[in-house]
C-alpha atoms as a PDB file:
ATOM      1  CA  MET A   1      46.898   2.276  20.553  1.00  0.00           C
ATOM      2  CA  SER A   2      44.345  -0.296  19.428  1.00  0.00           C
ATOM      3  CA  ARG A   3      40.826   0.146  20.760  1.00  0.00           C
ATOM      4  CA  VAL A   4      38.824  -2.954  21.650  1.00  0.00           C
ATOM      5  CA  VAL A   5      35.221  -3.657  22.613  1.00  0.00           C
ATOM      6  CA  ILE A   6      34.347  -6.820  24.517  1.00  0.00           C
ATOM      7  CA  LEU A   7      31.052  -8.390  23.447  1.00  0.00           C
ATOM      8  CA  GLY A   8      29.509 -10.255  26.349  1.00  0.00           C
ATOM      9  CA  ALA A   9      30.259 -10.141  30.054  1.00  0.00           C
ATOM     10  CA  GLY A  10      28.645 -13.502  30.703  1.00  0.00           C
ATOM     11  CA  VAL A  11      26.544 -14.746  33.568  1.00  0.00           C
ATOM     12  CA  ALA A  12      28.407 -15.677  36.744  1.00  0.00           C
ATOM     13  CA  GLY A  13      29.368 -19.342  36.682  1.00  0.00           C
ATOM     14  CA  HIS A  14      28.979 -19.747  32.921  1.00  0.00           C
ATOM     15  CA  THR A  15      31.644 -20.273  30.282  1.00  0.00           C
ATOM     16  CA  ALA A  16      31.130 -16.844  28.700  1.00  0.00           C
ATOM     17  CA  ALA A  17      31.931 -15.161  32.027  1.00  0.00           C
ATOM     18  CA  ALA A  18      35.214 -17.069  32.242  1.00  0.00           C
ATOM     19  CA  PHE A  19      36.023 -16.161  28.616  1.00  0.00           C
ATOM     20  CA  ALA A  20      35.379 -12.471  29.312  1.00  0.00           C
ATOM     21  CA  ARG A  21      37.734 -12.513  32.299  1.00  0.00           C
ATOM     22  CA  LYS A  22      40.467 -14.356  30.365  1.00  0.00           C
ATOM     23  CA  TRP A  23      40.230 -11.948  27.431  1.00  0.00           C
ATOM     24  CA  LEU A  24      40.433  -8.982  29.778  1.00  0.00           C
ATOM     25  CA  GLU A  25      43.455 -10.431  31.580  1.00  0.00           C
ATOM     26  CA  THR A  26      45.209 -10.840  28.227  1.00  0.00           C
ATOM     27  CA  ILE A  27      44.232  -7.415  26.922  1.00  0.00           C
ATOM     28  CA  LYS A  28      45.138  -5.587  30.141  1.00  0.00           C
ATOM     29  CA  ALA A  29      48.622  -7.154  30.016  1.00  0.00           C
ATOM     30  CA  ARG A  30      49.313  -5.298  26.766  1.00  0.00           C
ATOM     31  CA  GLU A  31      50.378  -1.684  26.648  1.00  0.00           C
ATOM     32  CA  ASP A  32      49.189  -1.157  23.072  1.00  0.00           C
ATOM     33  CA  VAL A  33      45.519  -2.046  23.602  1.00  0.00           C
ATOM     34  CA  GLU A  34      42.765  -0.065  25.296  1.00  0.00           C
ATOM     35  CA  VAL A  35      39.343  -1.469  26.260  1.00  0.00           C
ATOM     36  CA  VAL A  36      36.874   1.226  25.206  1.00  0.00           C
ATOM     37  CA  GLY A  37      33.633  -0.656  25.766  1.00  0.00           C
ATOM     38  CA  ILE A  38      31.840  -3.720  27.026  1.00  0.00           C
ATOM     39  CA  ALA A  39      28.539  -4.843  25.537  1.00  0.00           C
ATOM     40  CA  SER A  40      26.301  -7.069  27.608  1.00  0.00           C
ATOM     41  CA  ARG A  41      22.707  -7.751  28.551  1.00  0.00           C
ATOM     42  CA  THR A  42      23.813  -8.261  32.164  1.00  0.00           C
ATOM     43  CA  PRO A  43      24.819  -4.822  33.489  1.00  0.00           C
ATOM     44  CA  GLU A  44      25.773  -6.136  36.917  1.00  0.00           C
ATOM     45  CA  ARG A  45      28.474  -8.315  35.299  1.00  0.00           C
ATOM     46  CA  VAL A  46      29.776  -5.373  33.289  1.00  0.00           C
ATOM     47  CA  GLU A  47      30.133  -3.296  36.438  1.00  0.00           C
ATOM     48  CA  GLU A  48      31.985  -6.174  38.106  1.00  0.00           C
ATOM     49  CA  LEU A  49      34.417  -6.405  35.184  1.00  0.00           C
ATOM     50  CA  ARG A  50      34.894  -2.645  35.051  1.00  0.00           C
ATOM     51  CA  ARG A  51      35.735  -2.632  38.754  1.00  0.00           C
ATOM     52  CA  ASP A  52      37.979  -5.718  38.718  1.00  0.00           C
ATOM     53  CA  PHE A  53      39.970  -4.634  35.661  1.00  0.00           C
ATOM     54  CA  GLY A  54      40.125  -0.866  36.216  1.00  0.00           C
ATOM     55  CA  LEU A  55      37.906  -0.024  33.248  1.00  0.00           C
ATOM     56  CA  ALA A  56      35.957   2.925  34.641  1.00  0.00           C
ATOM     57  CA  ALA A  57      36.357   4.791  31.344  1.00  0.00           C
ATOM     58  CA  ALA A  58      34.992   1.902  29.234  1.00  0.00           C
ATOM     59  CA  THR A  59      31.550   2.588  27.803  1.00  0.00           C
ATOM     60  CA  VAL A  60      28.789   0.133  28.691  1.00  0.00           C
ATOM     61  CA  TYR A  61      26.557  -0.943  25.809  1.00  0.00           C
ATOM     62  CA  PRO A  62      23.252  -2.822  26.234  1.00  0.00           C
ATOM     63  CA  GLY A  63      24.117  -5.263  23.449  1.00  0.00           C
ATOM     64  CA  TRP A  64      26.452  -5.954  20.563  1.00  0.00           C
ATOM     65  CA  GLU A  65      24.328  -3.973  18.134  1.00  0.00           C
ATOM     66  CA  ALA A  66      24.862  -0.704  20.032  1.00  0.00           C
ATOM     67  CA  ALA A  67      28.577  -1.408  20.419  1.00  0.00           C
ATOM     68  CA  ALA A  68      28.911  -2.070  16.678  1.00  0.00           C
ATOM     69  CA  LYS A  69      27.192   1.212  15.823  1.00  0.00           C
ATOM     70  CA  ARG A  70      28.883   3.470  18.362  1.00  0.00           C
ATOM     71  CA  GLY A  71      31.885   1.629  19.837  1.00  0.00           C
ATOM     72  CA  GLY A  72      34.637   3.167  17.714  1.00  0.00           C
ATOM     73  CA  ALA A  73      36.791   0.068  18.172  1.00  0.00           C
ATOM     74  CA  ARG A  74      39.259  -1.396  15.722  1.00  0.00           C
ATOM     75  CA  ILE A  75      39.121  -4.781  17.455  1.00  0.00           C
ATOM     76  CA  VAL A  76      36.100  -6.676  18.728  1.00  0.00           C
ATOM     77  CA  THR A  77      36.251  -9.863  20.746  1.00  0.00           C
ATOM     78  CA  SER A  78      33.243 -11.971  21.536  1.00  0.00           C
ATOM     79  CA  THR A  79      32.599 -14.152  24.567  1.00  0.00           C
ATOM     80  CA  TYR A  80      29.216 -15.259  23.256  1.00  0.00           C
ATOM     81  CA  ASN A  81      28.895 -18.965  22.717  1.00  0.00           C
ATOM     82  CA  GLU A  82      26.117 -18.651  20.144  1.00  0.00           C
END
């Protein structure tokens, strides 16, 4: 099972939010991938994604730096547009 951390939950109505949702749709469709964390500066968006995609066990990180240090993922995908 591959472990993935999503970097960026986006702000509602912005491109990064749409990217995060699309990535999660793709990842959740696979049986060999597990989302283990979401890093974002917008905690309300993370909670929305966790609820909508059944990711209660995914760790929430306050930013990409914390996820990189403690995420334990083999795959990282970024929705940041910077």
